[in-house]
Amino acid sequence: MMRAAFALTLLALPAPALAGQLAGGSSPDIPWLRMLLALAFCIALAFGAVLLLKRHQRGGGPIAPSALFQRRGQASARRISVIETRRASPTADLCLVECDGETWLLAVTASGATILRGPQ
């Protein structure tokens, strides 16, 4: 039984490649159409990734499967919006944020956020 399994394993191995003569064969056919289609696919994939990154940076949020099938007129109202952001120092930002109709001025650093001015 063991010899039969060993023999089947040896038969399943690929045959060794035989070396041909140097420069003795014809030039290979290059599938130009397949190469161009693959290049177009890669460019389209990169372009789509750039669009998704731009949308995410603008605060578009993650793309959920339900959001893909939602019509434009059915978008839910947002409660929070960033009105303006300015760089105050290399480690801090000043953000003007509106939440439920109230405007807040926040100082945002790596350690957290501080309310500078709340609703009046």
PDB file of N, CA and C in Angstrom:
ATOM      1  N   MET A   1       0.832  -1.191   0.000  1.00  0.00           N
ATOM      2  CA  MET A   1       0.000   0.000   0.000  1.00  0.00           C
ATOM      3  C   MET A   1       0.873   1.250   0.000  1.00  0.00           C
ATOM      4  N   MET A   2       1.937   1.205   0.810  1.00  0.00           N
ATOM      5  CA  MET A   2       2.835   2.352   0.915  1.00  0.00           C
ATOM      6  C   MET A   2       3.592   2.567  -0.401  1.00  0.00           C
ATOM      7  N   ARG A   3       3.978   1.483  -1.049  1.00  0.00           N
ATOM      8  CA  ARG A   3       4.696   1.604  -2.324  1.00  0.00           C
ATOM      9  C   ARG A   3       3.788   2.163  -3.416  1.00  0.00           C
ATOM     10  N   ALA A   4       2.528   1.792  -3.387  1.00  0.00           N
ATOM     11  CA  ALA A   4       1.587   2.287  -4.390  1.00  0.00           C
ATOM     12  C   ALA A   4       1.366   3.791  -4.217  1.00  0.00           C
ATOM     13  N   ALA A   5       1.265   4.243  -2.968  1.00  0.00           N
ATOM     14  CA  ALA A   5       1.091   5.670  -2.716  1.00  0.00           C
ATOM     15  C   ALA A   5       2.327   6.448  -3.150  1.00  0.00           C
ATOM     16  N   PHE A   6       3.506   5.854  -2.887  1.00  0.00           N
ATOM     17  CA  PHE A   6       4.754   6.510  -3.300  1.00  0.00           C
ATOM     18  C   PHE A   6       4.854   6.581  -4.823  1.00  0.00           C
ATOM     19  N   ALA A   7       4.454   5.524  -5.501  1.00  0.00           N
ATOM     20  CA  ALA A   7       4.504   5.496  -6.961  1.00  0.00           C
ATOM     21  C   ALA A   7       3.522   6.508  -7.547  1.00  0.00           C
ATOM     22  N   LEU A   8       2.345   6.638  -6.964  1.00  0.00           N
ATOM     23  CA  LEU A   8       1.371   7.616  -7.446  1.00  0.00           C
ATOM     24  C   LEU A   8       1.867   9.043  -7.212  1.00  0.00           C
ATOM     25  N   THR A   9       2.563   9.254  -6.096  1.00  0.00           N
ATOM     26  CA  THR A   9       3.121  10.570  -5.810  1.00  0.00           C
ATOM     27  C   THR A   9       4.177  10.928  -6.840  1.00  0.00           C
ATOM     28  N   LEU A  10       5.027   9.968  -7.194  1.00  0.00           N
ATOM     29  CA  LEU A  10       6.052  10.221  -8.206  1.00  0.00           C
ATOM     30  C   LEU A  10       5.439  10.481  -9.579  1.00  0.00           C
ATOM     31  N   LEU A  11       4.345   9.810  -9.887  1.00  0.00           N
ATOM     32  CA  LEU A  11       3.691  10.021 -11.170  1.00  0.00           C
ATOM     33  C   LEU A  11       2.997  11.381 -11.234  1.00  0.00           C
ATOM     34  N   ALA A  12       2.603  11.895 -10.087  1.00  0.00           N
ATOM     35  CA  ALA A  12       1.911  13.174 -10.060  1.00  0.00           C
ATOM     36  C   ALA A  12       2.864  14.346 -10.205  1.00  0.00           C
ATOM     37  N   LEU A  13       4.149  14.120  -9.962  1.00  0.00           N
ATOM     38  CA  LEU A  13       5.125  15.209 -10.087  1.00  0.00           C
ATOM     39  C   LEU A  13       5.295  15.595 -11.555  1.00  0.00           C
ATOM     40  N   PRO A  14       5.557  16.865 -11.823  1.00  0.00           N
ATOM     41  CA  PRO A  14       5.753  17.279 -13.210  1.00  0.00           C
ATOM     42  C   PRO A  14       7.071  16.751 -13.756  1.00  0.00           C
ATOM     43  N   ALA A  15       7.097  16.605 -15.059  1.00  0.00           N
ATOM     44  CA  ALA A  15       8.314  16.113 -15.706  1.00  0.00           C
ATOM     45  C   ALA A  15       9.369  17.210 -15.679  1.00  0.00           C
ATOM     46  N   PRO A  16      10.638  16.842 -15.572  1.00  0.00           N
ATOM     47  CA  PRO A  16      11.681  17.865 -15.554  1.00  0.00           C
ATOM     48  C   PRO A  16      11.746  18.583 -16.900  1.00  0.00           C
ATOM     49  N   ALA A  17      12.072  19.860 -16.820  1.00  0.00           N
ATOM     50  CA  ALA A  17      12.158  20.659 -18.036  1.00  0.00           C
ATOM     51  C   ALA A  17      13.470  20.369 -18.738  1.00  0.00           C
ATOM     52  N   LEU A  18      13.390  20.233 -20.020  1.00  0.00           N
ATOM     53  CA  LEU A  18      14.586  20.004 -20.812  1.00  0.00           C
ATOM     54  C   LEU A  18      15.061  21.325 -21.388  1.00  0.00           C
ATOM     55  N   ALA A  19      16.360  21.524 -21.309  1.00  0.00           N
ATOM     56  CA  ALA A  19      16.927  22.777 -21.802  1.00  0.00           C
ATOM     57  C   ALA A  19      16.948  22.763 -23.328  1.00  0.00           C
ATOM     58  N   GLY A  20      16.514  23.861 -23.915  1.00  0.00           N
ATOM     59  CA  GLY A  20      16.553  23.978 -25.359  1.00  0.00           C
ATOM     60  C   GLY A  20      17.821  24.676 -25.801  1.00  0.00           C
ATOM     61  N   GLN A  21      17.969  24.791 -27.071  1.00  0.00           N
ATOM     62  CA  GLN A  21      19.140  25.486 -27.592  1.00  0.00           C
ATOM     63  C   GLN A  21      18.977  26.981 -27.376  1.00  0.00           C
ATOM     64  N   LEU A  22      20.089  27.643 -27.149  1.00  0.00           N
ATOM     65  CA  LEU A  22      20.072  29.073 -26.942  1.00  0.00           C
ATOM     66  C   LEU A  22      19.731  29.765 -28.252  1.00  0.00           C
ATOM     67  N   ALA A  23      18.698  30.598 -28.232  1.00  0.00           N
ATOM     68  CA  ALA A  23      18.228  31.355 -29.395  1.00  0.00           C
ATOM     69  C   ALA A  23      17.819  30.443 -30.534  1.00  0.00           C
ATOM     70  N   GLY A  24      17.319  29.271 -30.173  1.00  0.00           N
ATOM     71  CA  GLY A  24      16.925  28.346 -31.216  1.00  0.00           C
ATOM     72  C   GLY A  24      15.439  28.356 -31.493  1.00  0.00           C
ATOM     73  N   GLY A  25      14.644  29.042 -30.668  1.00  0.00           N
ATOM     74  CA  GLY A  25      13.207  29.008 -30.851  1.00  0.00           C
ATOM     75  C   GLY A  25      12.685  30.274 -31.498  1.00  0.00           C
ATOM     76  N   SER A  26      11.407  30.290 -31.766  1.00  0.00           N
ATOM     77  CA  SER A  26      10.791  31.466 -32.349  1.00  0.00           C
ATOM     78  C   SER A  26      10.410  32.435 -31.228  1.00  0.00           C
ATOM     79  N   SER A  27      10.162  33.670 -31.571  1.00  0.00           N
ATOM     80  CA  SER A  27       9.799  34.661 -30.565  1.00  0.00           C
ATOM     81  C   SER A  27       8.390  34.352 -30.059  1.00  0.00           C
ATOM     82  N   PRO A  28       8.157  34.591 -28.773  1.00  0.00           N
ATOM     83  CA  PRO A  28       6.831  34.285 -28.230  1.00  0.00           C
ATOM     84  C   PRO A  28       5.804  35.296 -28.727  1.00  0.00           C
ATOM     85  N   ASP A  29       4.595  34.819 -28.871  1.00  0.00           N
ATOM     86  CA  ASP A  29       3.510  35.718 -29.248  1.00  0.00           C
ATOM     87  C   ASP A  29       3.081  36.508 -28.014  1.00  0.00           C
ATOM     88  N   ILE A  30       3.054  37.822 -28.122  1.00  0.00           N
ATOM     89  CA  ILE A  30       2.679  38.681 -27.006  1.00  0.00           C
ATOM     90  C   ILE A  30       1.196  39.012 -27.149  1.00  0.00           C
ATOM     91  N   PRO A  31       0.388  38.707 -26.122  1.00  0.00           N
ATOM     92  CA  PRO A  31      -1.046  39.004 -26.193  1.00  0.00           C
ATOM     93  C   PRO A  31      -1.305  40.496 -25.917  1.00  0.00           C
ATOM     94  N   TRP A  32      -1.172  41.311 -26.941  1.00  0.00           N
ATOM     95  CA  TRP A  32      -1.275  42.764 -26.769  1.00  0.00           C
ATOM     96  C   TRP A  32      -2.648  43.201 -26.269  1.00  0.00           C
ATOM     97  N   LEU A  33      -3.701  42.590 -26.778  1.00  0.00           N
ATOM     98  CA  LEU A  33      -5.042  42.964 -26.344  1.00  0.00           C
ATOM     99  C   LEU A  33      -5.237  42.671 -24.861  1.00  0.00           C
ATOM    100  N   ARG A  34      -4.794  41.502 -24.428  1.00  0.00           N
ATOM    101  CA  ARG A  34      -4.925  41.148 -23.019  1.00  0.00           C
ATOM    102  C   ARG A  34      -4.115  42.099 -22.137  1.00  0.00           C
ATOM    103  N   MET A  35      -2.933  42.484 -22.599  1.00  0.00           N
ATOM    104  CA  MET A  35      -2.103  43.411 -21.829  1.00  0.00           C
ATOM    105  C   MET A  35      -2.753  44.794 -21.744  1.00  0.00           C
ATOM    106  N   LEU A  36      -3.334  45.266 -22.831  1.00  0.00           N
ATOM    107  CA  LEU A  36      -3.992  46.571 -22.824  1.00  0.00           C
ATOM    108  C   LEU A  36      -5.241  46.569 -21.955  1.00  0.00           C
ATOM    109  N   LEU A  37      -6.009  45.483 -22.004  1.00  0.00           N
ATOM    110  CA  LEU A  37      -7.191  45.384 -21.158  1.00  0.00           C
ATOM    111  C   LEU A  37      -6.809  45.322 -19.675  1.00  0.00           C
ATOM    112  N   ALA A  38      -5.736  44.609 -19.359  1.00  0.00           N
ATOM    113  CA  ALA A  38      -5.274  44.554 -17.967  1.00  0.00           C
ATOM    114  C   ALA A  38      -4.796  45.920 -17.500  1.00  0.00           C
ATOM    115  N   LEU A  39      -4.111  46.661 -18.362  1.00  0.00           N
ATOM    116  CA  LEU A  39      -3.665  48.007 -18.014  1.00  0.00           C
ATOM    117  C   LEU A  39      -4.859  48.935 -17.796  1.00  0.00           C
ATOM    118  N   ALA A  40      -5.866  48.853 -18.663  1.00  0.00           N
ATOM    119  CA  ALA A  40      -7.061  49.684 -18.512  1.00  0.00           C
ATOM    120  C   ALA A  40      -7.798  49.339 -17.220  1.00  0.00           C
ATOM    121  N   PHE A  41      -7.857  48.058 -16.877  1.00  0.00           N
ATOM    122  CA  PHE A  41      -8.503  47.655 -15.630  1.00  0.00           C
ATOM    123  C   PHE A  41      -7.761  48.213 -14.425  1.00  0.00           C
ATOM    124  N   CYS A  42      -6.434  48.143 -14.434  1.00  0.00           N
ATOM    125  CA  CYS A  42      -5.644  48.656 -13.306  1.00  0.00           C
ATOM    126  C   CYS A  42      -5.800  50.167 -13.170  1.00  0.00           C
ATOM    127  N   ILE A  43      -5.830  50.884 -14.290  1.00  0.00           N
ATOM    128  CA  ILE A  43      -6.016  52.336 -14.240  1.00  0.00           C
ATOM    129  C   ILE A  43      -7.398  52.678 -13.702  1.00  0.00           C
ATOM    130  N   ALA A  44      -8.420  51.950 -14.130  1.00  0.00           N
ATOM    131  CA  ALA A  44      -9.776  52.191 -13.626  1.00  0.00           C
ATOM    132  C   ALA A  44      -9.873  51.875 -12.135  1.00  0.00           C
ATOM    133  N   LEU A  45      -9.205  50.829 -11.691  1.00  0.00           N
ATOM    134  CA  LEU A  45      -9.203  50.475 -10.277  1.00  0.00           C
ATOM    135  C   LEU A  45      -8.518  51.556  -9.446  1.00  0.00           C
ATOM    136  N   ALA A  46      -7.394  52.078  -9.938  1.00  0.00           N
ATOM    137  CA  ALA A  46      -6.691  53.151  -9.224  1.00  0.00           C
ATOM    138  C   ALA A  46      -7.539  54.421  -9.189  1.00  0.00           C
ATOM    139  N   PHE A  47      -8.202  54.739 -10.290  1.00  0.00           N
ATOM    140  CA  PHE A  47      -9.057  55.928 -10.349  1.00  0.00           C
ATOM    141  C   PHE A  47     -10.215  55.810  -9.358  1.00  0.00           C
ATOM    142  N   GLY A  48     -10.816  54.628  -9.274  1.00  0.00           N
ATOM    143  CA  GLY A  48     -11.889  54.409  -8.316  1.00  0.00           C
ATOM    144  C   GLY A  48     -11.402  54.537  -6.879  1.00  0.00           C
ATOM    145  N   ALA A  49     -10.195  54.045  -6.596  1.00  0.00           N
ATOM    146  CA  ALA A  49      -9.641  54.168  -5.247  1.00  0.00           C
ATOM    147  C   ALA A  49      -9.397  55.632  -4.894  1.00  0.00           C
ATOM    148  N   VAL A  50      -8.937  56.418  -5.855  1.00  0.00           N
ATOM    149  CA  VAL A  50      -8.716  57.841  -5.609  1.00  0.00           C
ATOM    150  C   VAL A  50     -10.043  58.535  -5.305  1.00  0.00           C
ATOM    151  N   LEU A  51     -11.078  58.223  -6.052  1.00  0.00           N
ATOM    152  CA  LEU A  51     -12.387  58.832  -5.805  1.00  0.00           C
ATOM    153  C   LEU A  51     -12.927  58.457  -4.428  1.00  0.00           C
ATOM    154  N   LEU A  52     -12.760  57.207  -4.020  1.00  0.00           N
ATOM    155  CA  LEU A  52     -13.219  56.792  -2.705  1.00  0.00           C
ATOM    156  C   LEU A  52     -12.432  57.488  -1.596  1.00  0.00           C
ATOM    157  N   LEU A  53     -11.124  57.640  -1.779  1.00  0.00           N
ATOM    158  CA  LEU A  53     -10.321  58.337  -0.773  1.00  0.00           C
ATOM    159  C   LEU A  53     -10.708  59.803  -0.671  1.00  0.00           C
ATOM    160  N   LYS A  54     -10.974  60.447  -1.809  1.00  0.00           N
ATOM    161  CA  LYS A  54     -11.407  61.844  -1.772  1.00  0.00           C
ATOM    162  C   LYS A  54     -12.739  61.977  -1.049  1.00  0.00           C
ATOM    163  N   ARG A  55     -13.649  61.056  -1.307  1.00  0.00           N
ATOM    164  CA  ARG A  55     -14.960  61.103  -0.653  1.00  0.00           C
ATOM    165  C   ARG A  55     -14.815  60.899   0.847  1.00  0.00           C
ATOM    166  N   HIS A  56     -13.936  59.993   1.234  1.00  0.00           N
ATOM    167  CA  HIS A  56     -13.732  59.724   2.657  1.00  0.00           C
ATOM    168  C   HIS A  56     -13.081  60.929   3.348  1.00  0.00           C
ATOM    169  N   GLN A  57     -12.154  61.612   2.682  1.00  0.00           N
ATOM    170  CA  GLN A  57     -11.495  62.769   3.275  1.00  0.00           C
ATOM    171  C   GLN A  57     -12.450  63.947   3.414  1.00  0.00           C
ATOM    172  N   ARG A  58     -13.414  64.062   2.544  1.00  0.00           N
ATOM    173  CA  ARG A  58     -14.391  65.144   2.617  1.00  0.00           C
ATOM    174  C   ARG A  58     -15.459  64.886   3.667  1.00  0.00           C
ATOM    175  N   GLY A  59     -15.409  63.756   4.319  1.00  0.00           N
ATOM    176  CA  GLY A  59     -16.404  63.448   5.337  1.00  0.00           C
ATOM    177  C   GLY A  59     -17.600  62.721   4.783  1.00  0.00           C
ATOM    178  N   GLY A  60     -17.421  62.059   3.656  1.00  0.00           N
ATOM    179  CA  GLY A  60     -18.524  61.324   3.056  1.00  0.00           C
ATOM    180  C   GLY A  60     -18.888  60.084   3.837  1.00  0.00           C
ATOM    181  N   GLY A  61     -17.994  59.649   4.720  1.00  0.00           N
ATOM    182  CA  GLY A  61     -18.268  58.481   5.545  1.00  0.00           C
ATOM    183  C   GLY A  61     -17.982  57.200   4.790  1.00  0.00           C
ATOM    184  N   PRO A  62     -18.073  56.104   5.484  1.00  0.00           N
ATOM    185  CA  PRO A  62     -17.811  54.821   4.833  1.00  0.00           C
ATOM    186  C   PRO A  62     -18.916  54.464   3.849  1.00  0.00           C
ATOM    187  N   ILE A  63     -18.552  53.694   2.881  1.00  0.00           N
ATOM    188  CA  ILE A  63     -19.532  53.271   1.883  1.00  0.00           C
ATOM    189  C   ILE A  63     -20.106  51.939   2.329  1.00  0.00           C
ATOM    190  N   ALA A  64     -21.325  51.976   2.777  1.00  0.00           N
ATOM    191  CA  ALA A  64     -22.028  50.765   3.192  1.00  0.00           C
ATOM    192  C   ALA A  64     -22.843  50.263   2.006  1.00  0.00           C
ATOM    193  N   PRO A  65     -23.114  48.970   1.953  1.00  0.00           N
ATOM    194  CA  PRO A  65     -23.903  48.456   0.839  1.00  0.00           C
ATOM    195  C   PRO A  65     -25.268  49.124   0.714  1.00  0.00           C
ATOM    196  N   SER A  66     -25.874  49.512   1.831  1.00  0.00           N
ATOM    197  CA  SER A  66     -27.172  50.175   1.744  1.00  0.00           C
ATOM    198  C   SER A  66     -27.045  51.567   1.145  1.00  0.00           C
ATOM    199  N   ALA A  67     -25.883  52.210   1.358  1.00  0.00           N
ATOM    200  CA  ALA A  67     -25.683  53.553   0.808  1.00  0.00           C
ATOM    201  C   ALA A  67     -25.506  53.511  -0.703  1.00  0.00           C
ATOM    202  N   LEU A  68     -25.049  52.400  -1.233  1.00  0.00           N
ATOM    203  CA  LEU A  68     -24.866  52.299  -2.678  1.00  0.00           C
ATOM    204  C   LEU A  68     -26.194  52.291  -3.420  1.00  0.00           C
ATOM    205  N   PHE A  69     -27.233  51.743  -2.787  1.00  0.00           N
ATOM    206  CA  PHE A  69     -28.527  51.633  -3.438  1.00  0.00           C
ATOM    207  C   PHE A  69     -29.495  52.734  -3.031  1.00  0.00           C
ATOM    208  N   GLN A  70     -29.036  53.667  -2.211  1.00  0.00           N
ATOM    209  CA  GLN A  70     -29.903  54.747  -1.748  1.00  0.00           C
ATOM    210  C   GLN A  70     -29.956  55.849  -2.803  1.00  0.00           C
ATOM    211  N   ARG A  71     -31.132  56.387  -3.023  1.00  0.00           N
ATOM    212  CA  ARG A  71     -31.280  57.468  -3.993  1.00  0.00           C
ATOM    213  C   ARG A  71     -30.788  58.760  -3.389  1.00  0.00           C
ATOM    214  N   ARG A  72     -30.405  59.697  -4.234  1.00  0.00           N
ATOM    215  CA  ARG A  72     -29.842  60.954  -3.761  1.00  0.00           C
ATOM    216  C   ARG A  72     -30.841  61.768  -2.935  1.00  0.00           C
ATOM    217  N   GLY A  73     -32.084  61.751  -3.280  1.00  0.00           N
ATOM    218  CA  GLY A  73     -33.080  62.529  -2.566  1.00  0.00           C
ATOM    219  C   GLY A  73     -33.428  61.960  -1.196  1.00  0.00           C
ATOM    220  N   GLN A  74     -33.030  60.728  -0.920  1.00  0.00           N
ATOM    221  CA  GLN A  74     -33.387  60.086   0.336  1.00  0.00           C
ATOM    222  C   GLN A  74     -32.278  60.183   1.374  1.00  0.00           C
ATOM    223  N   ALA A  75     -31.288  61.028   1.178  1.00  0.00           N
ATOM    224  CA  ALA A  75     -30.195  61.136   2.135  1.00  0.00           C
ATOM    225  C   ALA A  75     -30.714  61.680   3.454  1.00  0.00           C
ATOM    226  N   SER A  76     -30.235  61.112   4.543  1.00  0.00           N
ATOM    227  CA  SER A  76     -30.689  61.557   5.858  1.00  0.00           C
ATOM    228  C   SER A  76     -30.022  62.880   6.211  1.00  0.00           C
ATOM    229  N   ALA A  77     -30.708  63.683   7.002  1.00  0.00           N
ATOM    230  CA  ALA A  77     -30.179  64.979   7.413  1.00  0.00           C
ATOM    231  C   ALA A  77     -29.051  64.760   8.404  1.00  0.00           C
ATOM    232  N   ARG A  78     -27.976  65.502   8.228  1.00  0.00           N
ATOM    233  CA  ARG A  78     -26.830  65.378   9.119  1.00  0.00           C
ATOM    234  C   ARG A  78     -26.986  66.337  10.280  1.00  0.00           C
ATOM    235  N   ARG A  79     -26.644  65.864  11.458  1.00  0.00           N
ATOM    236  CA  ARG A  79     -26.757  66.694  12.660  1.00  0.00           C
ATOM    237  C   ARG A  79     -25.473  67.464  12.922  1.00  0.00           C
ATOM    238  N   ILE A  80     -24.348  66.965  12.480  1.00  0.00           N
ATOM    239  CA  ILE A  80     -23.057  67.599  12.744  1.00  0.00           C
ATOM    240  C   ILE A  80     -22.420  67.977  11.414  1.00  0.00           C
ATOM    241  N   SER A  81     -21.887  69.203  11.342  1.00  0.00           N
ATOM    242  CA  SER A  81     -21.145  69.608  10.155  1.00  0.00           C
ATOM    243  C   SER A  81     -19.966  70.463  10.583  1.00  0.00           C
ATOM    244  N   VAL A  82     -18.840  70.288   9.890  1.00  0.00           N
ATOM    245  CA  VAL A  82     -17.644  71.087  10.138  1.00  0.00           C
ATOM    246  C   VAL A  82     -17.709  72.288   9.212  1.00  0.00           C
ATOM    247  N   ILE A  83     -17.806  73.462   9.804  1.00  0.00           N
ATOM    248  CA  ILE A  83     -17.928  74.682   9.016  1.00  0.00           C
ATOM    249  C   ILE A  83     -16.564  75.100   8.480  1.00  0.00           C
ATOM    250  N   GLU A  84     -15.553  75.095   9.357  1.00  0.00           N
ATOM    251  CA  GLU A  84     -14.223  75.519   8.940  1.00  0.00           C
ATOM    252  C   GLU A  84     -13.185  74.904   9.870  1.00  0.00           C
ATOM    253  N   THR A  85     -12.018  74.623   9.321  1.00  0.00           N
ATOM    254  CA  THR A  85     -10.897  74.100  10.102  1.00  0.00           C
ATOM    255  C   THR A  85      -9.650  74.873   9.714  1.00  0.00           C
ATOM    256  N   ARG A  86      -8.901  75.330  10.714  1.00  0.00           N
ATOM    257  CA  ARG A  86      -7.643  76.055  10.478  1.00  0.00           C
ATOM    258  C   ARG A  86      -6.551  75.441  11.330  1.00  0.00           C
ATOM    259  N   ARG A  87      -5.352  75.395  10.786  1.00  0.00           N
ATOM    260  CA  ARG A  87      -4.188  74.897  11.505  1.00  0.00           C
ATOM    261  C   ARG A  87      -3.667  76.007  12.405  1.00  0.00           C
ATOM    262  N   ALA A  88      -3.658  75.812  13.731  1.00  0.00           N
ATOM    263  CA  ALA A  88      -3.183  76.812  14.685  1.00  0.00           C
ATOM    264  C   ALA A  88      -1.699  76.636  14.959  1.00  0.00           C
ATOM    265  N   SER A  89      -1.229  75.404  14.991  1.00  0.00           N
ATOM    266  CA  SER A  89       0.186  75.094  15.193  1.00  0.00           C
ATOM    267  C   SER A  89       0.435  73.742  14.526  1.00  0.00           C
ATOM    268  N   PRO A  90       1.686  73.276  14.516  1.00  0.00           N
ATOM    269  CA  PRO A  90       1.937  71.966  13.894  1.00  0.00           C
ATOM    270  C   PRO A  90       1.197  70.808  14.555  1.00  0.00           C
ATOM    271  N   THR A  91       0.737  71.010  15.790  1.00  0.00           N
ATOM    272  CA  THR A  91       0.058  69.912  16.487  1.00  0.00           C
ATOM    273  C   THR A  91      -1.387  70.224  16.858  1.00  0.00           C
ATOM    274  N   ALA A  92      -1.899  71.394  16.491  1.00  0.00           N
ATOM    275  CA  ALA A  92      -3.254  71.761  16.921  1.00  0.00           C
ATOM    276  C   ALA A  92      -4.042  72.373  15.768  1.00  0.00           C
ATOM    277  N   ASP A  93      -5.347  72.123  15.782  1.00  0.00           N
ATOM    278  CA  ASP A  93      -6.274  72.688  14.804  1.00  0.00           C
ATOM    279  C   ASP A  93      -7.387  73.416  15.541  1.00  0.00           C
ATOM    280  N   LEU A  94      -7.895  74.471  14.919  1.00  0.00           N
ATOM    281  CA  LEU A  94      -9.099  75.145  15.403  1.00  0.00           C
ATOM    282  C   LEU A  94     -10.235  74.759  14.476  1.00  0.00           C
ATOM    283  N   CYS A  95     -11.317  74.274  15.049  1.00  0.00           N
ATOM    284  CA  CYS A  95     -12.437  73.793  14.244  1.00  0.00           C
ATOM    285  C   CYS A  95     -13.712  74.526  14.660  1.00  0.00           C
ATOM    286  N   LEU A  96     -14.436  75.008  13.670  1.00  0.00           N
ATOM    287  CA  LEU A  96     -15.747  75.609  13.888  1.00  0.00           C
ATOM    288  C   LEU A  96     -16.761  74.552  13.458  1.00  0.00           C
ATOM    289  N   VAL A  97     -17.532  74.051  14.439  1.00  0.00           N
ATOM    290  CA  VAL A  97     -18.420  72.911  14.213  1.00  0.00           C
ATOM    291  C   VAL A  97     -19.842  73.321  14.552  1.00  0.00           C
ATOM    292  N   GLU A  98     -20.797  72.869  13.736  1.00  0.00           N
ATOM    293  CA  GLU A  98     -22.204  73.110  14.019  1.00  0.00           C
ATOM    294  C   GLU A  98     -22.870  71.790  14.363  1.00  0.00           C
ATOM    295  N   CYS A  99     -23.556  71.756  15.502  1.00  0.00           N
ATOM    296  CA  CYS A  99     -24.241  70.548  15.958  1.00  0.00           C
ATOM    297  C   CYS A  99     -25.638  70.932  16.421  1.00  0.00           C
ATOM    298  N   ASP A 100     -26.644  70.394  15.779  1.00  0.00           N
ATOM    299  CA  ASP A 100     -28.047  70.668  16.102  1.00  0.00           C
ATOM    300  C   ASP A 100     -28.352  72.161  16.124  1.00  0.00           C
ATOM    301  N   GLY A 101     -27.793  72.905  15.185  1.00  0.00           N
ATOM    302  CA  GLY A 101     -28.063  74.326  15.078  1.00  0.00           C
ATOM    303  C   GLY A 101     -27.210  75.198  15.984  1.00  0.00           C
ATOM    304  N   GLU A 102     -26.342  74.615  16.801  1.00  0.00           N
ATOM    305  CA  GLU A 102     -25.472  75.388  17.691  1.00  0.00           C
ATOM    306  C   GLU A 102     -24.049  75.345  17.168  1.00  0.00           C
ATOM    307  N   THR A 103     -23.347  76.470  17.262  1.00  0.00           N
ATOM    308  CA  THR A 103     -21.987  76.567  16.747  1.00  0.00           C
ATOM    309  C   THR A 103     -20.994  76.467  17.901  1.00  0.00           C
ATOM    310  N   TRP A 104     -19.962  75.633  17.718  1.00  0.00           N
ATOM    311  CA  TRP A 104     -18.935  75.394  18.724  1.00  0.00           C
ATOM    312  C   TRP A 104     -17.568  75.688  18.113  1.00  0.00           C
ATOM    313  N   LEU A 105     -16.665  76.272  18.896  1.00  0.00           N
ATOM    314  CA  LEU A 105     -15.281  76.479  18.493  1.00  0.00           C
ATOM    315  C   LEU A 105     -14.434  75.519  19.322  1.00  0.00           C
ATOM    316  N   LEU A 106     -13.727  74.609  18.651  1.00  0.00           N
ATOM    317  CA  LEU A 106     -12.953  73.571  19.323  1.00  0.00           C
ATOM    318  C   LEU A 106     -11.476  73.716  18.995  1.00  0.00           C
ATOM    319  N   ALA A 107     -10.628  73.437  19.966  1.00  0.00           N
ATOM    320  CA  ALA A 107      -9.191  73.299  19.748  1.00  0.00           C
ATOM    321  C   ALA A 107      -8.897  71.806  19.808  1.00  0.00           C
ATOM    322  N   VAL A 108      -8.399  71.255  18.709  1.00  0.00           N
ATOM    323  CA  VAL A 108      -8.174  69.822  18.611  1.00  0.00           C
ATOM    324  C   VAL A 108      -6.677  69.572  18.546  1.00  0.00           C
ATOM    325  N   THR A 109      -6.164  68.772  19.491  1.00  0.00           N
ATOM    326  CA  THR A 109      -4.754  68.391  19.529  1.00  0.00           C
ATOM    327  C   THR A 109      -4.661  66.877  19.542  1.00  0.00           C
ATOM    328  N   ALA A 110      -3.434  66.368  19.587  1.00  0.00           N
ATOM    329  CA  ALA A 110      -3.252  64.919  19.636  1.00  0.00           C
ATOM    330  C   ALA A 110      -3.769  64.334  20.945  1.00  0.00           C
ATOM    331  N   SER A 111      -3.783  65.127  22.003  1.00  0.00           N
ATOM    332  CA  SER A 111      -4.231  64.616  23.297  1.00  0.00           C
ATOM    333  C   SER A 111      -5.737  64.736  23.498  1.00  0.00           C
ATOM    334  N   GLY A 112      -6.430  65.476  22.639  1.00  0.00           N
ATOM    335  CA  GLY A 112      -7.879  65.579  22.780  1.00  0.00           C
ATOM    336  C   GLY A 112      -8.407  66.879  22.217  1.00  0.00           C
ATOM    337  N   ALA A 113      -9.658  67.185  22.556  1.00  0.00           N
ATOM    338  CA  ALA A 113     -10.312  68.397  22.075  1.00  0.00           C
ATOM    339  C   ALA A 113     -10.747  69.241  23.268  1.00  0.00           C
ATOM    340  N   THR A 114     -10.648  70.568  23.105  1.00  0.00           N
ATOM    341  CA  THR A 114     -11.047  71.507  24.141  1.00  0.00           C
ATOM    342  C   THR A 114     -12.066  72.465  23.555  1.00  0.00           C
ATOM    343  N   ILE A 115     -13.148  72.718  24.288  1.00  0.00           N
ATOM    344  CA  ILE A 115     -14.174  73.669  23.838  1.00  0.00           C
ATOM    345  C   ILE A 115     -13.684  75.071  24.180  1.00  0.00           C
ATOM    346  N   LEU A 116     -13.471  75.891  23.167  1.00  0.00           N
ATOM    347  CA  LEU A 116     -13.063  77.275  23.392  1.00  0.00           C
ATOM    348  C   LEU A 116     -14.258  78.195  23.529  1.00  0.00           C
ATOM    349  N   ARG A 117     -15.293  77.914  22.742  1.00  0.00           N
ATOM    350  CA  ARG A 117     -16.508  78.724  22.817  1.00  0.00           C
ATOM    351  C   ARG A 117     -17.689  77.827  22.460  1.00  0.00           C
ATOM    352  N   GLY A 118     -18.661  77.809  23.330  1.00  0.00           N
ATOM    353  CA  GLY A 118     -19.841  76.986  23.130  1.00  0.00           C
ATOM    354  C   GLY A 118     -20.987  77.805  22.574  1.00  0.00           C
ATOM    355  N   PRO A 119     -22.177  77.231  22.574  1.00  0.00           N
ATOM    356  CA  PRO A 119     -23.342  77.944  22.039  1.00  0.00           C
ATOM    357  C   PRO A 119     -23.707  79.123  22.944  1.00  0.00           C
ATOM    358  N   GLN A 120     -24.202  80.164  22.323  1.00  0.00           N
ATOM    359  CA  GLN A 120     -24.561  81.374  23.080  1.00  0.00           C
ATOM    360  C   GLN A 120     -26.029  81.671  22.928  1.00  0.00           C
TER     361      GLN A 120
END
